[in-house]
């Protein structure tokens, strides 16, 4: 018999289950990481190639012309910003912070009585 520093018979069953569980969890996390890093892009490229979405089409270049009005000044921008600020803050009602707590009368009800328990002593 070979004497090992850590003999199999001294390891309890709980440690074996622990090691097996940790191995399964971390190996599955590693496999999922590899799949999402490498597998998903490869599948997307294959899907684009099959559907013809991967074809690069020549796009026409269009120029955007920004027309500025001479009447638009900083005062106009400030008025618009103030109006938006006032509109957005009006959505919340200002209510007073007074709470009124009334104690409810508790009437006797046989339905909530503990003397009619389900367990009867014989």
PDB file of N, CA and C in Angstrom:
ATOM      1  N   UNK A   1       0.839  -1.167   0.000  1.00  0.00           N
ATOM      2  CA  UNK A   1       0.000   0.000   0.000  1.00  0.00           C
ATOM      3  C   UNK A   1       0.884   1.229   0.000  1.00  0.00           C
ATOM      4  N   UNK A   2       0.521   2.194  -0.831  1.00  0.00           N
ATOM      5  CA  UNK A   2       1.296   3.416  -0.935  1.00  0.00           C
ATOM      6  C   UNK A   2       0.749   4.416   0.064  1.00  0.00           C
ATOM      7  N   UNK A   3       1.640   4.995   0.853  1.00  0.00           N
ATOM      8  CA  UNK A   3       1.218   5.998   1.811  1.00  0.00           C
ATOM      9  C   UNK A   3       1.218   7.369   1.141  1.00  0.00           C
ATOM     10  N   UNK A   4       0.044   7.931   0.982  1.00  0.00           N
ATOM     11  CA  UNK A   4      -0.088   9.266   0.425  1.00  0.00           C
ATOM     12  C   UNK A   4      -0.292  10.247   1.568  1.00  0.00           C
ATOM     13  N   UNK A   5       0.146  11.504   1.382  1.00  0.00           N
ATOM     14  CA  UNK A   5      -0.063  12.467   2.460  1.00  0.00           C
ATOM     15  C   UNK A   5      -1.549  12.694   2.758  1.00  0.00           C
ATOM     16  N   UNK A   6      -2.404  12.542   1.744  1.00  0.00           N
ATOM     17  CA  UNK A   6      -3.830  12.709   1.947  1.00  0.00           C
ATOM     18  C   UNK A   6      -4.489  11.442   1.441  1.00  0.00           C
ATOM     19  N   UNK A   7      -4.911  10.604   2.331  1.00  0.00           N
ATOM     20  CA  UNK A   7      -5.491   9.330   1.937  1.00  0.00           C
ATOM     21  C   UNK A   7      -6.975   9.509   1.656  1.00  0.00           C
ATOM     22  N   UNK A   8      -7.469   8.701   0.726  1.00  0.00           N
ATOM     23  CA  UNK A   8      -8.851   8.795   0.303  1.00  0.00           C
ATOM     24  C   UNK A   8      -9.798   8.426   1.445  1.00  0.00           C
ATOM     25  N   UNK A   9      -9.419   7.477   2.242  1.00  0.00           N
ATOM     26  CA  UNK A   9     -10.328   7.035   3.287  1.00  0.00           C
ATOM     27  C   UNK A   9     -10.484   8.050   4.415  1.00  0.00           C
ATOM     28  N   UNK A  10      -9.597   9.044   4.503  1.00  0.00           N
ATOM     29  CA  UNK A  10      -9.738  10.045   5.557  1.00  0.00           C
ATOM     30  C   UNK A  10     -10.618  11.214   5.141  1.00  0.00           C
ATOM     31  N   UNK A  11     -10.892  11.339   3.847  1.00  0.00           N
ATOM     32  CA  UNK A  11     -11.762  12.415   3.375  1.00  0.00           C
ATOM     33  C   UNK A  11     -13.201  12.003   3.625  1.00  0.00           C
ATOM     34  N   UNK A  12     -13.918  12.853   4.281  1.00  0.00           N
ATOM     35  CA  UNK A  12     -15.307  12.509   4.568  1.00  0.00           C
ATOM     36  C   UNK A  12     -16.157  12.715   3.321  1.00  0.00           C
ATOM     37  N   UNK A  13     -17.336  12.181   3.396  1.00  0.00           N
ATOM     38  CA  UNK A  13     -18.234  12.241   2.250  1.00  0.00           C
ATOM     39  C   UNK A  13     -18.653  13.675   1.929  1.00  0.00           C
ATOM     40  N   UNK A  14     -18.750  14.532   2.924  1.00  0.00           N
ATOM     41  CA  UNK A  14     -19.141  15.920   2.708  1.00  0.00           C
ATOM     42  C   UNK A  14     -18.152  16.689   1.866  1.00  0.00           C
ATOM     43  N   UNK A  15     -16.857  16.434   2.078  1.00  0.00           N
ATOM     44  CA  UNK A  15     -15.837  17.126   1.286  1.00  0.00           C
ATOM     45  C   UNK A  15     -15.861  16.690  -0.173  1.00  0.00           C
ATOM     46  N   UNK A  16     -16.173  15.432  -0.403  1.00  0.00           N
ATOM     47  CA  UNK A  16     -16.261  14.942  -1.780  1.00  0.00           C
ATOM     48  C   UNK A  16     -17.436  15.614  -2.489  1.00  0.00           C
ATOM     49  N   UNK A  17     -18.562  15.716  -1.801  1.00  0.00           N
ATOM     50  CA  UNK A  17     -19.724  16.376  -2.394  1.00  0.00           C
ATOM     51  C   UNK A  17     -19.427  17.855  -2.634  1.00  0.00           C
ATOM     52  N   UNK A  18     -18.744  18.494  -1.678  1.00  0.00           N
ATOM     53  CA  UNK A  18     -18.377  19.898  -1.835  1.00  0.00           C
ATOM     54  C   UNK A  18     -17.466  20.110  -3.037  1.00  0.00           C
ATOM     55  N   UNK A  19     -16.447  19.294  -3.158  1.00  0.00           N
ATOM     56  CA  UNK A  19     -15.510  19.436  -4.273  1.00  0.00           C
ATOM     57  C   UNK A  19     -16.203  19.175  -5.604  1.00  0.00           C
ATOM     58  N   UNK A  20     -17.065  18.178  -5.647  1.00  0.00           N
ATOM     59  CA  UNK A  20     -17.782  17.869  -6.879  1.00  0.00           C
ATOM     60  C   UNK A  20     -18.705  19.025  -7.274  1.00  0.00           C
ATOM     61  N   UNK A  21     -19.423  19.577  -6.309  1.00  0.00           N
ATOM     62  CA  UNK A  21     -20.312  20.696  -6.596  1.00  0.00           C
ATOM     63  C   UNK A  21     -19.562  21.917  -7.084  1.00  0.00           C
ATOM     64  N   UNK A  22     -18.454  22.256  -6.418  1.00  0.00           N
ATOM     65  CA  UNK A  22     -17.658  23.406  -6.842  1.00  0.00           C
ATOM     66  C   UNK A  22     -17.084  23.202  -8.245  1.00  0.00           C
ATOM     67  N   UNK A  23     -16.644  21.974  -8.526  1.00  0.00           N
ATOM     68  CA  UNK A  23     -16.111  21.673  -9.850  1.00  0.00           C
ATOM     69  C   UNK A  23     -17.182  21.848 -10.923  1.00  0.00           C
ATOM     70  N   UNK A  24     -18.386  21.363 -10.655  1.00  0.00           N
ATOM     71  CA  UNK A  24     -19.470  21.468 -11.634  1.00  0.00           C
ATOM     72  C   UNK A  24     -19.837  22.929 -11.870  1.00  0.00           C
ATOM     73  N   UNK A  25     -19.953  23.709 -10.802  1.00  0.00           N
ATOM     74  CA  UNK A  25     -20.366  25.103 -10.937  1.00  0.00           C
ATOM     75  C   UNK A  25     -19.325  25.919 -11.705  1.00  0.00           C
ATOM     76  N   UNK A  26     -18.072  25.824 -11.299  1.00  0.00           N
ATOM     77  CA  UNK A  26     -17.052  26.644 -11.943  1.00  0.00           C
ATOM     78  C   UNK A  26     -16.739  26.177 -13.362  1.00  0.00           C
ATOM     79  N   UNK A  27     -16.796  24.876 -13.611  1.00  0.00           N
ATOM     80  CA  UNK A  27     -16.560  24.430 -14.985  1.00  0.00           C
ATOM     81  C   UNK A  27     -17.702  24.868 -15.895  1.00  0.00           C
ATOM     82  N   UNK A  28     -18.949  24.868 -15.396  1.00  0.00           N
ATOM     83  CA  UNK A  28     -20.047  25.349 -16.232  1.00  0.00           C
ATOM     84  C   UNK A  28     -19.947  26.850 -16.468  1.00  0.00           C
ATOM     85  N   UNK A  29     -19.481  27.621 -15.478  1.00  0.00           N
ATOM     86  CA  UNK A  29     -19.273  29.052 -15.683  1.00  0.00           C
ATOM     87  C   UNK A  29     -18.200  29.320 -16.734  1.00  0.00           C
ATOM     88  N   UNK A  30     -17.154  28.547 -16.700  1.00  0.00           N
ATOM     89  CA  UNK A  30     -16.089  28.698 -17.694  1.00  0.00           C
ATOM     90  C   UNK A  30     -16.601  28.338 -19.087  1.00  0.00           C
ATOM     91  N   UNK A  31     -17.370  27.257 -19.178  1.00  0.00           N
ATOM     92  CA  UNK A  31     -17.915  26.866 -20.483  1.00  0.00           C
ATOM     93  C   UNK A  31     -18.880  27.926 -21.023  1.00  0.00           C
ATOM     94  N   UNK A  32     -19.710  28.497 -20.168  1.00  0.00           N
ATOM     95  CA  UNK A  32     -20.627  29.553 -20.615  1.00  0.00           C
ATOM     96  C   UNK A  32     -19.873  30.791 -21.067  1.00  0.00           C
ATOM     97  N   UNK A  33     -18.807  31.142 -20.357  1.00  0.00           N
ATOM     98  CA  UNK A  33     -18.006  32.294 -20.748  1.00  0.00           C
ATOM     99  C   UNK A  33     -17.378  32.083 -22.116  1.00  0.00           C
ATOM    100  N   UNK A  34     -16.817  30.903 -22.340  1.00  0.00           N
ATOM    101  CA  UNK A  34     -16.203  30.601 -23.635  1.00  0.00           C
ATOM    102  C   UNK A  34     -17.263  30.616 -24.735  1.00  0.00           C
ATOM    103  N   UNK A  35     -18.437  30.078 -24.440  1.00  0.00           N
ATOM    104  CA  UNK A  35     -19.499  30.052 -25.447  1.00  0.00           C
ATOM    105  C   UNK A  35     -19.935  31.460 -25.823  1.00  0.00           C
ATOM    106  N   UNK A  36     -20.136  32.340 -24.829  1.00  0.00           N
ATOM    107  CA  UNK A  36     -20.596  33.680 -25.147  1.00  0.00           C
ATOM    108  C   UNK A  36     -19.502  34.546 -25.755  1.00  0.00           C
ATOM    109  N   UNK A  37     -18.255  34.273 -25.466  1.00  0.00           N
ATOM    110  CA  UNK A  37     -17.165  35.051 -26.061  1.00  0.00           C
ATOM    111  C   UNK A  37     -16.850  34.598 -27.484  1.00  0.00           C
ATOM    112  N   UNK A  38     -16.900  33.301 -27.728  1.00  0.00           N
ATOM    113  CA  UNK A  38     -16.494  32.788 -29.034  1.00  0.00           C
ATOM    114  C   UNK A  38     -17.650  32.229 -29.858  1.00  0.00           C
ATOM    115  N   UNK A  39     -18.552  31.530 -29.220  1.00  0.00           N
ATOM    116  CA  UNK A  39     -19.609  30.833 -29.944  1.00  0.00           C
ATOM    117  C   UNK A  39     -20.676  31.741 -30.500  1.00  0.00           C
ATOM    118  N   UNK A  40     -21.143  32.681 -29.704  1.00  0.00           N
ATOM    119  CA  UNK A  40     -22.226  33.557 -30.155  1.00  0.00           C
ATOM    120  C   UNK A  40     -21.796  34.426 -31.345  1.00  0.00           C
ATOM    121  N   UNK A  41     -20.620  35.069 -31.313  1.00  0.00           N
ATOM    122  CA  UNK A  41     -20.223  35.825 -32.513  1.00  0.00           C
ATOM    123  C   UNK A  41     -20.086  34.946 -33.754  1.00  0.00           C
ATOM    124  N   UNK A  42     -19.591  33.735 -33.588  1.00  0.00           N
ATOM    125  CA  UNK A  42     -19.471  32.837 -34.734  1.00  0.00           C
ATOM    126  C   UNK A  42     -20.840  32.463 -35.273  1.00  0.00           C
ATOM    127  N   UNK A  43     -21.794  32.215 -34.389  1.00  0.00           N
ATOM    128  CA  UNK A  43     -23.150  31.894 -34.835  1.00  0.00           C
ATOM    129  C   UNK A  43     -23.810  33.077 -35.531  1.00  0.00           C
ATOM    130  N   UNK A  44     -23.593  34.277 -35.019  1.00  0.00           N
ATOM    131  CA  UNK A  44     -24.164  35.465 -35.655  1.00  0.00           C
ATOM    132  C   UNK A  44     -23.571  35.696 -37.040  1.00  0.00           C
ATOM    133  N   UNK A  45     -22.269  35.502 -37.165  1.00  0.00           N
ATOM    134  CA  UNK A  45     -21.639  35.652 -38.485  1.00  0.00           C
ATOM    135  C   UNK A  45     -22.164  34.612 -39.468  1.00  0.00           C
ATOM    136  N   UNK A  46     -22.357  33.385 -38.989  1.00  0.00           N
ATOM    137  CA  UNK A  46     -22.893  32.343 -39.861  1.00  0.00           C
ATOM    138  C   UNK A  46     -24.330  32.658 -40.250  1.00  0.00           C
ATOM    139  N   UNK A  47     -25.113  33.185 -39.335  1.00  0.00           N
ATOM    140  CA  UNK A  47     -26.506  33.556 -39.628  1.00  0.00           C
ATOM    141  C   UNK A  47     -26.560  34.683 -40.650  1.00  0.00           C
ATOM    142  N   UNK A  48     -25.689  35.680 -40.481  1.00  0.00           N
ATOM    143  CA  UNK A  48     -25.664  36.782 -41.441  1.00  0.00           C
ATOM    144  C   UNK A  48     -25.246  36.302 -42.825  1.00  0.00           C
ATOM    145  N   UNK A  49     -24.316  35.351 -42.881  1.00  0.00           N
ATOM    146  CA  UNK A  49     -23.875  34.838 -44.167  1.00  0.00           C
ATOM    147  C   UNK A  49     -24.985  34.050 -44.849  1.00  0.00           C
ATOM    148  N   UNK A  50     -25.767  33.305 -44.070  1.00  0.00           N
ATOM    149  CA  UNK A  50     -26.848  32.522 -44.665  1.00  0.00           C
ATOM    150  C   UNK A  50     -27.995  33.400 -45.135  1.00  0.00           C
ATOM    151  N   UNK A  51     -28.316  34.407 -44.392  1.00  0.00           N
ATOM    152  CA  UNK A  51     -29.441  35.267 -44.730  1.00  0.00           C
ATOM    153  C   UNK A  51     -29.074  36.388 -45.686  1.00  0.00           C
ATOM    154  N   UNK A  52     -27.817  36.566 -45.936  1.00  0.00           N
ATOM    155  CA  UNK A  52     -27.408  37.623 -46.849  1.00  0.00           C
ATOM    156  C   UNK A  52     -27.354  38.982 -46.188  1.00  0.00           C
ATOM    157  N   UNK A  53     -27.396  38.987 -44.870  1.00  0.00           N
ATOM    158  CA  UNK A  53     -27.349  40.263 -44.174  1.00  0.00           C
ATOM    159  C   UNK A  53     -25.923  40.784 -44.046  1.00  0.00           C
ATOM    160  N   UNK A  54     -24.977  39.927 -44.273  1.00  0.00           N
ATOM    161  CA  UNK A  54     -23.595  40.332 -44.124  1.00  0.00           C
ATOM    162  C   UNK A  54     -23.032  41.050 -45.329  1.00  0.00           C
ATOM    163  N   UNK A  55     -23.816  41.180 -46.375  1.00  0.00           N
ATOM    164  CA  UNK A  55     -23.342  41.860 -47.565  1.00  0.00           C
ATOM    165  C   UNK A  55     -23.225  43.346 -47.283  1.00  0.00           C
ATOM    166  N   UNK A  56     -22.128  43.859 -47.665  1.00  0.00           N
ATOM    167  CA  UNK A  56     -21.928  45.296 -47.481  1.00  0.00           C
ATOM    168  C   UNK A  56     -22.446  46.023 -48.712  1.00  0.00           C
ATOM    169  N   UNK A  57     -23.387  46.869 -48.465  1.00  0.00           N
ATOM    170  CA  UNK A  57     -23.958  47.643 -49.556  1.00  0.00           C
ATOM    171  C   UNK A  57     -23.354  49.030 -49.538  1.00  0.00           C
ATOM    172  N   UNK A  58     -23.226  49.560 -50.720  1.00  0.00           N
ATOM    173  CA  UNK A  58     -22.697  50.909 -50.798  1.00  0.00           C
ATOM    174  C   UNK A  58     -23.784  51.885 -50.396  1.00  0.00           C
ATOM    175  N   UNK A  59     -23.456  52.702 -49.447  1.00  0.00           N
ATOM    176  CA  UNK A  59     -24.426  53.668 -48.959  1.00  0.00           C
ATOM    177  C   UNK A  59     -24.141  55.013 -49.590  1.00  0.00           C
ATOM    178  N   UNK A  60     -25.200  55.671 -49.913  1.00  0.00           N
ATOM    179  CA  UNK A  60     -25.059  56.994 -50.492  1.00  0.00           C
ATOM    180  C   UNK A  60     -24.783  57.981 -49.374  1.00  0.00           C
ATOM    181  N   UNK A  61     -23.832  58.806 -49.607  1.00  0.00           N
ATOM    182  CA  UNK A  61     -23.505  59.816 -48.618  1.00  0.00           C
ATOM    183  C   UNK A  61     -24.418  61.008 -48.805  1.00  0.00           C
ATOM    184  N   UNK A  62     -25.013  61.415 -47.716  1.00  0.00           N
ATOM    185  CA  UNK A  62     -25.867  62.588 -47.754  1.00  0.00           C
ATOM    186  C   UNK A  62     -25.314  63.604 -46.781  1.00  0.00           C
ATOM    187  N   UNK A  63     -25.412  64.816 -47.154  1.00  0.00           N
ATOM    188  CA  UNK A  63     -24.926  65.864 -46.284  1.00  0.00           C
ATOM    189  C   UNK A  63     -26.115  66.489 -45.562  1.00  0.00           C
ATOM    190  N   UNK A  64     -25.904  66.793 -44.314  1.00  0.00           N
ATOM    191  CA  UNK A  64     -26.944  67.395 -43.501  1.00  0.00           C
ATOM    192  C   UNK A  64     -26.660  68.882 -43.407  1.00  0.00           C
ATOM    193  N   UNK A  65     -27.652  69.646 -43.798  1.00  0.00           N
ATOM    194  CA  UNK A  65     -27.507  71.088 -43.742  1.00  0.00           C
ATOM    195  C   UNK A  65     -28.311  71.585 -42.547  1.00  0.00           C
ATOM    196  N   UNK A  66     -27.648  72.255 -41.658  1.00  0.00           N
ATOM    197  CA  UNK A  66     -28.311  72.794 -40.478  1.00  0.00           C
ATOM    198  C   UNK A  66     -28.663  74.237 -40.750  1.00  0.00           C
ATOM    199  N   UNK A  67     -29.946  74.490 -40.677  1.00  0.00           N
ATOM    200  CA  UNK A  67     -30.409  75.854 -40.895  1.00  0.00           C
ATOM    201  C   UNK A  67     -30.595  76.506 -39.536  1.00  0.00           C
ATOM    202  N   UNK A  68     -29.954  77.598 -39.331  1.00  0.00           N
ATOM    203  CA  UNK A  68     -30.100  78.297 -38.056  1.00  0.00           C
ATOM    204  C   UNK A  68     -30.894  79.572 -38.280  1.00  0.00           C
ATOM    205  N   UNK A  69     -31.767  79.802 -37.333  1.00  0.00           N
ATOM    206  CA  UNK A  69     -32.559  81.021 -37.425  1.00  0.00           C
ATOM    207  C   UNK A  69     -31.815  82.148 -36.731  1.00  0.00           C
ATOM    208  N   UNK A  70     -31.920  83.292 -37.283  1.00  0.00           N
ATOM    209  CA  UNK A  70     -31.222  84.431 -36.698  1.00  0.00           C
ATOM    210  C   UNK A  70     -31.940  84.937 -35.449  1.00  0.00           C
ATOM    211  N   UNK A  71     -33.236  84.603 -35.321  1.00  0.00           N
ATOM    212  CA  UNK A  71     -34.009  85.080 -34.179  1.00  0.00           C
ATOM    213  C   UNK A  71     -33.812  84.209 -32.940  1.00  0.00           C
ATOM    214  N   UNK A  72     -33.169  83.054 -33.080  1.00  0.00           N
ATOM    215  CA  UNK A  72     -32.982  82.150 -31.937  1.00  0.00           C
ATOM    216  C   UNK A  72     -31.784  82.624 -31.128  1.00  0.00           C
ATOM    217  N   UNK A  73     -32.066  83.195 -29.969  1.00  0.00           N
ATOM    218  CA  UNK A  73     -31.001  83.740 -29.123  1.00  0.00           C
ATOM    219  C   UNK A  73     -30.954  82.970 -27.817  1.00  0.00           C
ATOM    220  N   UNK A  74     -30.081  83.376 -26.953  1.00  0.00           N
ATOM    221  CA  UNK A  74     -29.970  82.757 -25.642  1.00  0.00           C
ATOM    222  C   UNK A  74     -31.212  82.972 -24.799  1.00  0.00           C
ATOM    223  N   UNK A  75     -31.875  84.084 -24.998  1.00  0.00           N
ATOM    224  CA  UNK A  75     -33.104  84.352 -24.256  1.00  0.00           C
ATOM    225  C   UNK A  75     -34.199  83.370 -24.652  1.00  0.00           C
ATOM    226  N   UNK A  76     -34.263  83.043 -25.932  1.00  0.00           N
ATOM    227  CA  UNK A  76     -35.250  82.073 -26.388  1.00  0.00           C
ATOM    228  C   UNK A  76     -34.958  80.697 -25.812  1.00  0.00           C
ATOM    229  N   UNK A  77     -33.696  80.299 -25.780  1.00  0.00           N
ATOM    230  CA  UNK A  77     -33.313  79.006 -25.207  1.00  0.00           C
ATOM    231  C   UNK A  77     -33.631  78.966 -23.719  1.00  0.00           C
ATOM    232  N   UNK A  78     -33.391  80.075 -23.009  1.00  0.00           N
ATOM    233  CA  UNK A  78     -33.696  80.130 -21.575  1.00  0.00           C
ATOM    234  C   UNK A  78     -35.193  80.036 -21.336  1.00  0.00           C
ATOM    235  N   UNK A  79     -35.997  80.666 -22.185  1.00  0.00           N
ATOM    236  CA  UNK A  79     -37.449  80.593 -22.039  1.00  0.00           C
ATOM    237  C   UNK A  79     -37.954  79.172 -22.260  1.00  0.00           C
ATOM    238  N   UNK A  80     -37.393  78.491 -23.251  1.00  0.00           N
ATOM    239  CA  UNK A  80     -37.787  77.108 -23.528  1.00  0.00           C
ATOM    240  C   UNK A  80     -37.387  76.204 -22.369  1.00  0.00           C
ATOM    241  N   UNK A  81     -36.175  76.378 -21.863  1.00  0.00           N
ATOM    242  CA  UNK A  81     -35.703  75.556 -20.746  1.00  0.00           C
ATOM    243  C   UNK A  81     -36.539  75.793 -19.498  1.00  0.00           C
ATOM    244  N   UNK A  82     -36.923  77.050 -19.233  1.00  0.00           N
ATOM    245  CA  UNK A  82     -37.752  77.359 -18.069  1.00  0.00           C
ATOM    246  C   UNK A  82     -39.135  76.746 -18.221  1.00  0.00           C
ATOM    247  N   UNK A  83     -39.699  76.807 -19.404  1.00  0.00           N
ATOM    248  CA  UNK A  83     -41.018  76.221 -19.634  1.00  0.00           C
ATOM    249  C   UNK A  83     -40.989  74.711 -19.443  1.00  0.00           C
ATOM    250  N   UNK A  84     -39.958  74.067 -19.960  1.00  0.00           N
ATOM    251  CA  UNK A  84     -39.830  72.620 -19.772  1.00  0.00           C
ATOM    252  C   UNK A  84     -39.650  72.264 -18.303  1.00  0.00           C
ATOM    253  N   UNK A  85     -38.852  73.036 -17.594  1.00  0.00           N
ATOM    254  CA  UNK A  85     -38.628  72.789 -16.168  1.00  0.00           C
ATOM    255  C   UNK A  85     -39.928  72.928 -15.381  1.00  0.00           C
ATOM    256  N   UNK A  86     -40.683  73.963 -15.665  1.00  0.00           N
ATOM    257  CA  UNK A  86     -41.945  74.163 -14.966  1.00  0.00           C
ATOM    258  C   UNK A  86     -42.949  73.065 -15.306  1.00  0.00           C
ATOM    259  N   UNK A  87     -42.987  72.639 -16.554  1.00  0.00           N
ATOM    260  CA  UNK A  87     -43.917  71.584 -16.955  1.00  0.00           C
ATOM    261  C   UNK A  87     -43.575  70.262 -16.280  1.00  0.00           C
ATOM    262  N   UNK A  88     -42.301  69.915 -16.248  1.00  0.00           N
ATOM    263  CA  UNK A  88     -41.906  68.638 -15.658  1.00  0.00           C
ATOM    264  C   UNK A  88     -42.076  68.624 -14.148  1.00  0.00           C
ATOM    265  N   UNK A  89     -41.954  69.750 -13.494  1.00  0.00           N
ATOM    266  CA  UNK A  89     -42.119  69.787 -12.046  1.00  0.00           C
ATOM    267  C   UNK A  89     -43.581  69.884 -11.628  1.00  0.00           C
ATOM    268  N   UNK A  90     -44.493  70.216 -12.530  1.00  0.00           N
ATOM    269  CA  UNK A  90     -45.901  70.296 -12.200  1.00  0.00           C
ATOM    270  C   UNK A  90     -46.559  68.939 -12.108  1.00  0.00           C
ATOM    271  N   UNK A  91     -45.915  67.898 -12.551  1.00  0.00           N
ATOM    272  CA  UNK A  91     -46.526  66.580 -12.568  1.00  0.00           C
ATOM    273  C   UNK A  91     -46.690  66.001 -11.172  1.00  0.00           C
ATOM    274  N   UNK A  92     -45.948  66.473 -10.210  1.00  0.00           N
ATOM    275  CA  UNK A  92     -46.033  65.956  -8.853  1.00  0.00           C
ATOM    276  C   UNK A  92     -46.841  66.931  -8.010  1.00  0.00           C
ATOM    277  N   UNK A  93     -47.856  66.398  -7.360  1.00  0.00           N
ATOM    278  CA  UNK A  93     -48.689  67.232  -6.508  1.00  0.00           C
ATOM    279  C   UNK A  93     -47.972  67.524  -5.207  1.00  0.00           C
ATOM    280  N   UNK A  94     -48.125  68.735  -4.715  1.00  0.00           N
ATOM    281  CA  UNK A  94     -47.593  69.086  -3.409  1.00  0.00           C
ATOM    282  C   UNK A  94     -48.686  68.846  -2.376  1.00  0.00           C
ATOM    283  N   UNK A  95     -48.465  67.856  -1.541  1.00  0.00           N
ATOM    284  CA  UNK A  95     -49.444  67.515  -0.523  1.00  0.00           C
ATOM    285  C   UNK A  95     -48.857  67.818   0.842  1.00  0.00           C
ATOM    286  N   UNK A  96     -49.751  68.092   1.771  1.00  0.00           N
ATOM    287  CA  UNK A  96     -49.247  68.331   3.117  1.00  0.00           C
ATOM    288  C   UNK A  96     -48.824  67.004   3.741  1.00  0.00           C
ATOM    289  N   UNK A  97     -47.922  67.067   4.662  1.00  0.00           N
ATOM    290  CA  UNK A  97     -47.342  65.861   5.238  1.00  0.00           C
ATOM    291  C   UNK A  97     -47.986  65.506   6.576  1.00  0.00           C
ATOM    292  N   UNK A  98     -49.277  65.750   6.715  1.00  0.00           N
ATOM    293  CA  UNK A  98     -49.988  65.443   7.950  1.00  0.00           C
ATOM    294  C   UNK A  98     -50.652  64.086   7.798  1.00  0.00           C
ATOM    295  N   UNK A  99     -50.329  63.192   8.702  1.00  0.00           N
ATOM    296  CA  UNK A  99     -50.920  61.863   8.694  1.00  0.00           C
ATOM    297  C   UNK A  99     -51.951  61.783   9.801  1.00  0.00           C
ATOM    298  N   UNK A 100     -53.094  61.228   9.508  1.00  0.00           N
ATOM    299  CA  UNK A 100     -54.131  61.029  10.503  1.00  0.00           C
ATOM    300  C   UNK A 100     -54.314  59.537  10.692  1.00  0.00           C
ATOM    301  N   UNK A 101     -54.092  59.087  11.898  1.00  0.00           N
ATOM    302  CA  UNK A 101     -54.213  57.667  12.192  1.00  0.00           C
ATOM    303  C   UNK A 101     -55.397  57.488  13.126  1.00  0.00           C
ATOM    304  N   UNK A 102     -56.369  56.739  12.686  1.00  0.00           N
ATOM    305  CA  UNK A 102     -57.535  56.446  13.512  1.00  0.00           C
ATOM    306  C   UNK A 102     -57.477  54.988  13.930  1.00  0.00           C
ATOM    307  N   UNK A 103     -57.748  54.768  15.198  1.00  0.00           N
ATOM    308  CA  UNK A 103     -57.729  53.398  15.701  1.00  0.00           C
ATOM    309  C   UNK A 103     -59.062  52.734  15.375  1.00  0.00           C
ATOM    310  N   UNK A 104     -58.988  51.608  14.730  1.00  0.00           N
ATOM    311  CA  UNK A 104     -60.202  50.907  14.336  1.00  0.00           C
ATOM    312  C   UNK A 104     -60.730  50.108  15.520  1.00  0.00           C
ATOM    313  N   UNK A 105     -62.044  50.074  15.654  1.00  0.00           N
ATOM    314  CA  UNK A 105     -62.654  49.276  16.713  1.00  0.00           C
ATOM    315  C   UNK A 105     -62.534  47.819  16.346  1.00  0.00           C
ATOM    316  N   UNK A 106     -62.135  47.038  17.290  1.00  0.00           N
ATOM    317  CA  UNK A 106     -61.998  45.610  17.046  1.00  0.00           C
ATOM    318  C   UNK A 106     -63.161  44.906  17.712  1.00  0.00           C
ATOM    319  N   UNK A 107     -64.053  44.442  16.895  1.00  0.00           N
ATOM    320  CA  UNK A 107     -65.197  43.717  17.401  1.00  0.00           C
ATOM    321  C   UNK A 107     -64.829  42.256  17.591  1.00  0.00           C
ATOM    322  N   UNK A 108     -65.491  41.627  18.520  1.00  0.00           N
ATOM    323  CA  UNK A 108     -65.256  40.205  18.745  1.00  0.00           C
ATOM    324  C   UNK A 108     -65.833  39.409  17.591  1.00  0.00           C
ATOM    325  N   UNK A 109     -65.048  38.502  17.082  1.00  0.00           N
ATOM    326  CA  UNK A 109     -65.502  37.636  16.011  1.00  0.00           C
ATOM    327  C   UNK A 109     -65.136  36.198  16.360  1.00  0.00           C
ATOM    328  N   UNK A 110     -66.091  35.301  16.312  1.00  0.00           N
ATOM    329  CA  UNK A 110     -65.754  33.912  16.643  1.00  0.00           C
ATOM    330  C   UNK A 110     -64.841  33.272  15.601  1.00  0.00           C
ATOM    331  N   UNK A 111     -64.739  33.886  14.435  1.00  0.00           N
ATOM    332  CA  UNK A 111     -63.876  33.326  13.402  1.00  0.00           C
ATOM    333  C   UNK A 111     -62.401  33.511  13.752  1.00  0.00           C
ATOM    334  N   UNK A 112     -62.080  34.544  14.501  1.00  0.00           N
ATOM    335  CA  UNK A 112     -60.689  34.768  14.865  1.00  0.00           C
ATOM    336  C   UNK A 112     -60.388  34.328  16.292  1.00  0.00           C
ATOM    337  N   UNK A 113     -61.319  33.670  16.920  1.00  0.00           N
ATOM    338  CA  UNK A 113     -61.132  33.254  18.303  1.00  0.00           C
ATOM    339  C   UNK A 113     -60.227  32.031  18.368  1.00  0.00           C
ATOM    340  N   UNK A 114     -59.360  32.020  19.351  1.00  0.00           N
ATOM    341  CA  UNK A 114     -58.419  30.904  19.490  1.00  0.00           C
ATOM    342  C   UNK A 114     -59.001  29.763  20.317  1.00  0.00           C
ATOM    343  N   UNK A 115     -60.146  29.974  20.918  1.00  0.00           N
ATOM    344  CA  UNK A 115     -60.695  28.887  21.728  1.00  0.00           C
ATOM    345  C   UNK A 115     -61.322  27.801  20.868  1.00  0.00           C
ATOM    346  N   UNK A 116     -61.610  28.147  19.608  1.00  0.00           N
ATOM    347  CA  UNK A 116     -62.177  27.153  18.700  1.00  0.00           C
ATOM    348  C   UNK A 116     -61.064  26.617  17.807  1.00  0.00           C
ATOM    349  N   UNK A 117     -60.068  26.049  18.391  1.00  0.00           N
ATOM    350  CA  UNK A 117     -58.949  25.520  17.614  1.00  0.00           C
ATOM    351  C   UNK A 117     -59.308  24.263  16.865  1.00  0.00           C
ATOM    352  N   UNK A 118     -58.479  23.865  15.969  1.00  0.00           N
ATOM    353  CA  UNK A 118     -58.752  22.661  15.185  1.00  0.00           C
ATOM    354  C   UNK A 118     -58.291  21.406  15.889  1.00  0.00           C
ATOM    355  N   UNK A 119     -57.414  21.548  16.871  1.00  0.00           N
ATOM    356  CA  UNK A 119     -56.924  20.367  17.572  1.00  0.00           C
ATOM    357  C   UNK A 119     -57.688  20.218  18.884  1.00  0.00           C
ATOM    358  N   UNK A 120     -58.373  19.141  19.029  1.00  0.00           N
ATOM    359  CA  UNK A 120     -59.124  18.875  20.246  1.00  0.00           C
ATOM    360  C   UNK A 120     -58.430  17.793  21.037  1.00  0.00           C
ATOM    361  N   UNK A 121     -58.307  18.028  22.326  1.00  0.00           N
ATOM    362  CA  UNK A 121     -57.696  17.021  23.193  1.00  0.00           C
ATOM    363  C   UNK A 121     -58.773  16.028  23.609  1.00  0.00           C
ATOM    364  N   UNK A 122     -58.439  14.769  23.528  1.00  0.00           N
ATOM    365  CA  UNK A 122     -59.411  13.726  23.897  1.00  0.00           C
ATOM    366  C   UNK A 122     -59.190  13.225  25.295  1.00  0.00           C
TER     367      UNK A 122
END
